[in-house]
Amino acid sequence: MVDAPLIDLELITPEATVLAATPEMVVVPGSEGEFGVLRDHAPVLSSLRPGIVQVHATFDAEPECYFVTGGFTEAGPAYCLILADTAVPVSEIDVGAADQAVAEAEEAVREAGTGTDEAARERAEHALEIATARRAAAG
């Protein structure tokens, strides 16, 4: 079997480089939907929505998964650069804490919905989107 060509991947947050690897494929939660990045990918720049970055060392291997809260990705023929607001291995997400975050975010949305502060309502809805996605990622 011929090895598939690899891409250079970096997953970076403001605090650290979370992952530097050379997988066969990466699946990214783009703001317009998930997309896969393989060798010889057309150049693309996309914002990220809260979701899971799937890193496939090989096509037939289980992916290494990271939850990201947002950010940007740039991909080209031989690389994928992910600049995430935050990134955590899915295996490290505490389900109980994720459930609590969803409940708190839902309450914040309810409270913000009763006022006239549009910005507060939007922040609460964004926090709920992140909390819900984190809970879904936890399984």
Protein backbone atom coordinates (compact mmCIF):
# COMPACT_ATOMS: atom_id res chain seq x y z
CA MET A 1 0.00 0.00 0.00
CA VAL A 2 1.32 3.42 -0.94
CA ASP A 3 1.37 5.97 1.86
CA ALA A 4 -0.85 8.99 1.30
CA PRO A 5 0.96 12.31 1.19
CA LEU A 6 0.86 14.20 4.47
CA ILE A 7 0.08 17.78 5.39
CA ASP A 8 1.73 19.97 8.00
CA LEU A 9 -0.78 20.81 10.72
CA GLU A 10 -0.54 23.33 13.52
CA LEU A 11 -3.33 23.91 16.06
CA ILE A 12 -2.49 27.05 17.99
CA THR A 13 -4.25 28.99 20.75
CA PRO A 14 -3.16 32.31 22.27
CA GLU A 15 -1.58 30.32 25.12
CA ALA A 16 0.30 27.57 23.28
CA THR A 17 0.78 25.34 20.29
CA VAL A 18 -1.67 22.57 21.14
CA LEU A 19 -0.66 20.26 18.30
CA ALA A 20 1.96 20.13 15.57
CA ALA A 21 1.59 17.02 13.43
CA THR A 22 1.72 15.61 9.90
CA PRO A 23 -1.58 13.79 9.37
CA GLU A 24 -3.12 12.52 6.14
CA MET A 25 -6.30 14.54 6.72
CA VAL A 26 -7.85 17.15 9.01
CA VAL A 27 -11.59 17.87 9.29
CA VAL A 28 -12.32 21.43 10.42
CA PRO A 29 -15.60 22.94 11.75
CA GLY A 30 -15.81 25.89 9.37
CA SER A 31 -18.42 28.58 9.91
CA GLU A 32 -20.16 27.45 6.69
CA GLY A 33 -19.87 23.74 7.53
CA GLU A 34 -17.24 21.08 8.11
CA PHE A 35 -14.55 20.60 5.49
CA GLY A 36 -11.66 18.22 5.06
CA VAL A 37 -8.11 19.24 4.28
CA LEU A 38 -5.89 16.84 2.34
CA ARG A 39 -2.61 17.24 0.48
CA ASP A 40 -3.00 19.57 -2.55
CA HIS A 41 -6.01 21.35 -1.03
CA ALA A 42 -6.94 24.59 -2.77
CA PRO A 43 -6.00 27.65 -0.69
CA VAL A 44 -8.78 28.58 1.73
CA LEU A 45 -9.30 30.88 4.70
CA SER A 46 -12.30 30.21 6.95
CA SER A 47 -13.63 31.28 10.30
CA LEU A 48 -14.40 28.48 12.74
CA ARG A 49 -17.57 27.73 14.64
CA PRO A 50 -17.53 25.87 17.95
CA GLY A 51 -16.95 22.23 17.11
CA ILE A 52 -14.52 19.37 16.73
CA VAL A 53 -11.26 19.35 14.78
CA GLN A 54 -10.62 15.76 13.68
CA VAL A 55 -6.99 14.86 13.01
CA HIS A 56 -6.61 11.66 10.96
CA ALA A 57 -3.04 10.36 11.18
CA THR A 58 -4.08 7.86 8.52
CA PHE A 59 -7.39 7.50 6.70
CA ASP A 60 -8.26 4.23 8.44
CA ALA A 61 -7.22 5.32 11.96
CA GLU A 62 -9.55 6.76 14.58
CA PRO A 63 -9.13 10.53 14.58
CA GLU A 64 -7.55 12.51 17.39
CA CYS A 65 -10.25 15.07 18.28
CA TYR A 66 -10.01 18.58 19.72
CA PHE A 67 -12.88 20.86 20.71
CA VAL A 68 -12.41 24.46 19.52
CA THR A 69 -14.59 27.41 20.50
CA GLY A 70 -13.91 29.44 17.37
CA GLY A 71 -11.09 31.09 15.48
CA PHE A 72 -9.73 30.84 11.96
CA THR A 73 -8.10 28.27 9.72
CA GLU A 74 -5.89 28.69 6.69
CA ALA A 75 -5.20 25.73 4.44
CA GLY A 76 -3.11 25.29 1.34
CA PRO A 77 -1.58 22.53 -0.78
CA ALA A 78 0.70 21.21 1.98
CA TYR A 79 -0.51 22.70 5.26
CA CYS A 80 -3.39 23.50 7.58
CA LEU A 81 -2.99 26.23 10.21
CA ILE A 82 -5.72 26.46 12.84
CA LEU A 83 -5.73 29.53 15.07
CA ALA A 84 -8.29 28.70 17.75
CA ASP A 85 -9.64 30.84 20.57
CA THR A 86 -9.38 27.75 22.78
CA ALA A 87 -8.69 24.08 22.02
CA VAL A 88 -8.95 21.08 24.30
CA PRO A 89 -8.73 17.36 23.59
CA VAL A 90 -12.27 15.97 23.53
CA SER A 91 -11.17 13.23 25.93
CA GLU A 92 -10.48 15.90 28.58
CA ILE A 93 -13.97 17.44 28.53
CA ASP A 94 -15.78 16.88 31.84
CA VAL A 95 -19.37 15.89 31.00
CA GLY A 96 -20.74 17.14 34.33
CA ALA A 97 -19.05 20.51 33.92
CA ALA A 98 -20.30 20.69 30.32
CA ASP A 99 -23.88 20.00 31.48
CA GLN A 100 -23.56 22.71 34.13
CA ALA A 101 -22.22 25.19 31.56
CA VAL A 102 -25.21 24.53 29.30
CA ALA A 103 -27.66 25.09 32.17
CA GLU A 104 -25.92 28.34 33.16
CA ALA A 105 -25.83 29.56 29.57
CA GLU A 106 -29.53 28.77 29.08
CA GLU A 107 -30.34 30.79 32.20
CA ALA A 108 -28.19 33.68 30.95
CA VAL A 109 -30.08 33.65 27.63
CA ARG A 110 -33.42 33.70 29.47
CA GLU A 111 -32.30 36.63 31.62
CA ALA A 112 -30.84 38.54 28.66
CA GLY A 113 -34.04 38.02 26.69
CA THR A 114 -36.03 40.06 29.20
CA GLY A 115 -33.89 43.19 28.84
CA THR A 116 -33.19 45.69 26.10
CA ASP A 117 -29.42 45.15 25.90
CA GLU A 118 -28.99 43.53 22.48
CA ALA A 119 -25.24 43.02 22.98
CA ALA A 120 -25.81 41.16 26.26
CA ARG A 121 -28.35 38.90 24.56
CA GLU A 122 -25.93 38.13 21.70
CA ARG A 123 -23.10 37.34 24.16
CA ALA A 124 -25.40 35.01 26.09
CA GLU A 125 -26.51 33.25 22.90
CA HIS A 126 -22.88 32.81 21.79
CA ALA A 127 -21.98 31.38 25.21
CA LEU A 128 -24.89 28.94 24.86
CA GLU A 129 -23.71 27.92 21.38
CA ILE A 130 -20.24 27.14 22.76
CA ALA A 131 -21.58 25.31 25.83
CA THR A 132 -23.96 23.22 23.72
CA ALA A 133 -21.22 22.30 21.23
CA ARG A 134 -18.82 21.40 24.07
CA ARG A 135 -21.48 19.14 25.62
CA ALA A 136 -22.14 17.47 22.26
CA ALA A 137 -18.40 16.93 21.78
CA ALA A 138 -18.17 15.24 25.18
CA GLY A 139 -20.52 12.52 23.94
